[in-house]
């Protein structure tokens, strides 16, 4: 997490941490309103994102 926050800052971007307990429509709204283009997601919380990713039109979803 520290490395990601440092890299985001060094790139001139803004990190928007989201509580891991948020799911569903609230998660979708937070992602959409943040105007995020990239997400870093822990494996344990990926299932919550999978449920709303089709509604997050500002994201370009890629798997690594």
N, C-alpha and C. Protein backbone atom coordinates (compact mmCIF):
# COMPACT_ATOMS: atom_id res chain seq x y z
N UNK A 1 0.82 -1.19 0.00
CA UNK A 1 0.00 0.00 0.00
C UNK A 1 0.86 1.25 0.00
N UNK A 2 1.91 1.26 0.80
CA UNK A 2 2.78 2.44 0.87
C UNK A 2 3.41 2.71 -0.49
N UNK A 3 3.85 1.66 -1.16
CA UNK A 3 4.48 1.82 -2.47
C UNK A 3 3.50 2.39 -3.48
N UNK A 4 2.27 1.91 -3.44
CA UNK A 4 1.26 2.40 -4.37
C UNK A 4 0.96 3.87 -4.11
N UNK A 5 0.77 4.25 -2.86
CA UNK A 5 0.49 5.65 -2.54
C UNK A 5 1.64 6.56 -2.96
N UNK A 6 2.88 6.11 -2.76
CA UNK A 6 4.03 6.90 -3.17
C UNK A 6 4.07 7.03 -4.69
N UNK A 7 3.85 5.95 -5.40
CA UNK A 7 3.89 5.99 -6.87
C UNK A 7 2.80 6.88 -7.44
N UNK A 8 1.61 6.81 -6.86
CA UNK A 8 0.51 7.66 -7.31
C UNK A 8 0.87 9.13 -7.12
N UNK A 9 1.42 9.46 -5.97
CA UNK A 9 1.83 10.83 -5.68
C UNK A 9 2.95 11.28 -6.61
N UNK A 10 3.94 10.42 -6.84
CA UNK A 10 5.05 10.76 -7.72
C UNK A 10 4.58 10.98 -9.15
N UNK A 11 3.52 10.31 -9.55
CA UNK A 11 2.97 10.47 -10.89
C UNK A 11 2.11 11.72 -11.02
N UNK A 12 1.88 12.40 -9.90
CA UNK A 12 1.07 13.62 -9.94
C UNK A 12 -0.42 13.34 -9.88
N UNK A 13 -0.78 12.12 -9.53
CA UNK A 13 -2.19 11.75 -9.43
C UNK A 13 -2.65 11.85 -7.98
N UNK A 14 -3.90 11.59 -7.76
CA UNK A 14 -4.48 11.67 -6.42
C UNK A 14 -5.05 10.31 -6.05
N UNK A 15 -4.67 9.80 -4.88
CA UNK A 15 -5.19 8.53 -4.39
C UNK A 15 -6.52 8.78 -3.69
N UNK A 16 -7.45 7.87 -3.91
CA UNK A 16 -8.77 7.94 -3.27
C UNK A 16 -9.02 6.61 -2.57
N UNK A 17 -8.51 6.45 -1.35
CA UNK A 17 -8.73 5.20 -0.63
C UNK A 17 -10.21 4.99 -0.31
N UNK A 18 -10.68 3.77 -0.50
CA UNK A 18 -12.08 3.44 -0.23
C UNK A 18 -12.10 2.31 0.80
N UNK A 19 -12.94 2.43 1.77
CA UNK A 19 -13.08 1.43 2.83
C UNK A 19 -13.40 0.07 2.21
N UNK A 20 -12.69 -0.96 2.62
CA UNK A 20 -12.86 -2.30 2.06
C UNK A 20 -14.22 -2.92 2.38
N UNK A 21 -14.95 -2.35 3.34
CA UNK A 21 -16.25 -2.91 3.72
C UNK A 21 -17.40 -2.39 2.86
N UNK A 22 -17.14 -1.40 2.03
CA UNK A 22 -18.19 -0.82 1.19
C UNK A 22 -18.42 -1.71 -0.02
N UNK A 23 -19.69 -1.97 -0.31
CA UNK A 23 -20.05 -2.84 -1.43
C UNK A 23 -21.26 -2.27 -2.15
N UNK A 24 -21.63 -2.91 -3.25
CA UNK A 24 -22.86 -2.61 -3.97
C UNK A 24 -22.92 -1.22 -4.56
N UNK A 25 -24.12 -0.65 -4.50
CA UNK A 25 -24.38 0.65 -5.13
C UNK A 25 -23.52 1.76 -4.52
N UNK A 26 -23.23 1.67 -3.23
CA UNK A 26 -22.39 2.68 -2.60
C UNK A 26 -20.98 2.64 -3.18
N UNK A 27 -20.43 1.46 -3.37
CA UNK A 27 -19.11 1.31 -3.98
C UNK A 27 -19.12 1.85 -5.41
N UNK A 28 -20.14 1.51 -6.15
CA UNK A 28 -20.27 1.98 -7.53
C UNK A 28 -20.31 3.50 -7.57
N UNK A 29 -21.07 4.12 -6.68
CA UNK A 29 -21.18 5.59 -6.64
C UNK A 29 -19.85 6.23 -6.28
N UNK A 30 -19.15 5.68 -5.30
CA UNK A 30 -17.86 6.23 -4.91
C UNK A 30 -16.84 6.16 -6.05
N UNK A 31 -16.79 5.04 -6.73
CA UNK A 31 -15.86 4.89 -7.85
C UNK A 31 -16.22 5.86 -8.96
N UNK A 32 -17.49 5.95 -9.29
CA UNK A 32 -17.93 6.84 -10.36
C UNK A 32 -17.66 8.31 -10.01
N UNK A 33 -17.98 8.71 -8.81
CA UNK A 33 -17.81 10.11 -8.41
C UNK A 33 -16.35 10.50 -8.22
N UNK A 34 -15.48 9.53 -8.03
CA UNK A 34 -14.06 9.85 -7.86
C UNK A 34 -13.39 10.17 -9.19
N UNK A 35 -14.05 9.86 -10.30
CA UNK A 35 -13.51 10.07 -11.64
C UNK A 35 -12.22 9.27 -11.83
N UNK A 36 -12.13 8.12 -11.16
CA UNK A 36 -10.94 7.27 -11.23
C UNK A 36 -10.82 6.63 -12.61
N UNK A 37 -9.59 6.44 -13.03
CA UNK A 37 -9.33 5.73 -14.27
C UNK A 37 -8.62 4.40 -14.02
N UNK A 38 -7.99 4.28 -12.85
CA UNK A 38 -7.27 3.06 -12.47
C UNK A 38 -7.62 2.69 -11.04
N UNK A 39 -7.64 1.39 -10.78
CA UNK A 39 -7.90 0.91 -9.42
C UNK A 39 -6.82 -0.11 -9.03
N UNK A 40 -6.44 -0.06 -7.79
CA UNK A 40 -5.60 -1.10 -7.20
C UNK A 40 -6.48 -1.81 -6.18
N UNK A 41 -6.72 -3.11 -6.41
CA UNK A 41 -7.67 -3.84 -5.59
C UNK A 41 -6.98 -5.07 -4.99
N UNK A 42 -7.16 -5.26 -3.70
CA UNK A 42 -6.64 -6.45 -3.05
C UNK A 42 -7.48 -7.65 -3.48
N UNK A 43 -6.85 -8.80 -3.53
CA UNK A 43 -7.54 -10.02 -3.97
C UNK A 43 -8.76 -10.33 -3.11
N UNK A 44 -8.68 -10.03 -1.82
CA UNK A 44 -9.79 -10.33 -0.91
C UNK A 44 -11.03 -9.49 -1.19
N UNK A 45 -10.87 -8.32 -1.81
CA UNK A 45 -12.01 -7.44 -2.06
C UNK A 45 -12.41 -7.40 -3.53
N UNK A 46 -11.77 -8.20 -4.34
CA UNK A 46 -12.05 -8.20 -5.77
C UNK A 46 -13.50 -8.59 -6.08
N UNK A 47 -14.07 -9.50 -5.32
CA UNK A 47 -15.44 -9.94 -5.61
C UNK A 47 -16.44 -8.80 -5.47
N UNK A 48 -16.24 -7.88 -4.54
CA UNK A 48 -17.15 -6.74 -4.39
C UNK A 48 -17.08 -5.84 -5.62
N UNK A 49 -15.87 -5.66 -6.17
CA UNK A 49 -15.72 -4.84 -7.37
C UNK A 49 -16.30 -5.54 -8.59
N UNK A 50 -16.13 -6.84 -8.70
CA UNK A 50 -16.64 -7.60 -9.84
C UNK A 50 -18.15 -7.39 -10.02
N UNK A 51 -18.86 -7.21 -8.91
CA UNK A 51 -20.32 -7.04 -8.95
C UNK A 51 -20.73 -5.70 -9.53
N UNK A 52 -19.87 -4.68 -9.48
CA UNK A 52 -20.26 -3.34 -9.93
C UNK A 52 -19.45 -2.83 -11.11
N UNK A 53 -18.46 -3.57 -11.57
CA UNK A 53 -17.55 -3.04 -12.59
C UNK A 53 -18.23 -2.70 -13.91
N UNK A 54 -19.30 -3.37 -14.25
CA UNK A 54 -19.98 -3.06 -15.51
C UNK A 54 -20.65 -1.70 -15.49
N UNK A 55 -20.87 -1.15 -14.30
CA UNK A 55 -21.50 0.16 -14.17
C UNK A 55 -20.49 1.29 -14.00
N UNK A 56 -19.21 0.96 -13.97
CA UNK A 56 -18.14 1.96 -13.81
C UNK A 56 -17.56 2.29 -15.18
N UNK A 57 -18.22 3.18 -15.90
CA UNK A 57 -17.89 3.44 -17.29
C UNK A 57 -16.60 4.24 -17.48
N UNK A 58 -16.13 4.94 -16.44
CA UNK A 58 -14.92 5.73 -16.59
C UNK A 58 -13.65 4.91 -16.42
N UNK A 59 -13.79 3.63 -16.08
CA UNK A 59 -12.63 2.77 -15.87
C UNK A 59 -12.31 1.95 -17.09
N UNK A 60 -11.05 1.76 -17.31
CA UNK A 60 -10.58 0.82 -18.31
C UNK A 60 -10.08 -0.40 -17.54
N UNK A 61 -10.83 -1.49 -17.57
CA UNK A 61 -10.54 -2.65 -16.74
C UNK A 61 -9.58 -3.59 -17.45
N UNK A 62 -8.45 -3.85 -16.79
CA UNK A 62 -7.45 -4.78 -17.30
C UNK A 62 -7.05 -5.72 -16.17
N UNK A 63 -6.85 -6.96 -16.49
CA UNK A 63 -6.38 -7.93 -15.51
C UNK A 63 -4.90 -8.18 -15.69
N UNK A 64 -4.21 -8.38 -14.59
CA UNK A 64 -2.78 -8.67 -14.66
C UNK A 64 -2.53 -10.04 -14.08
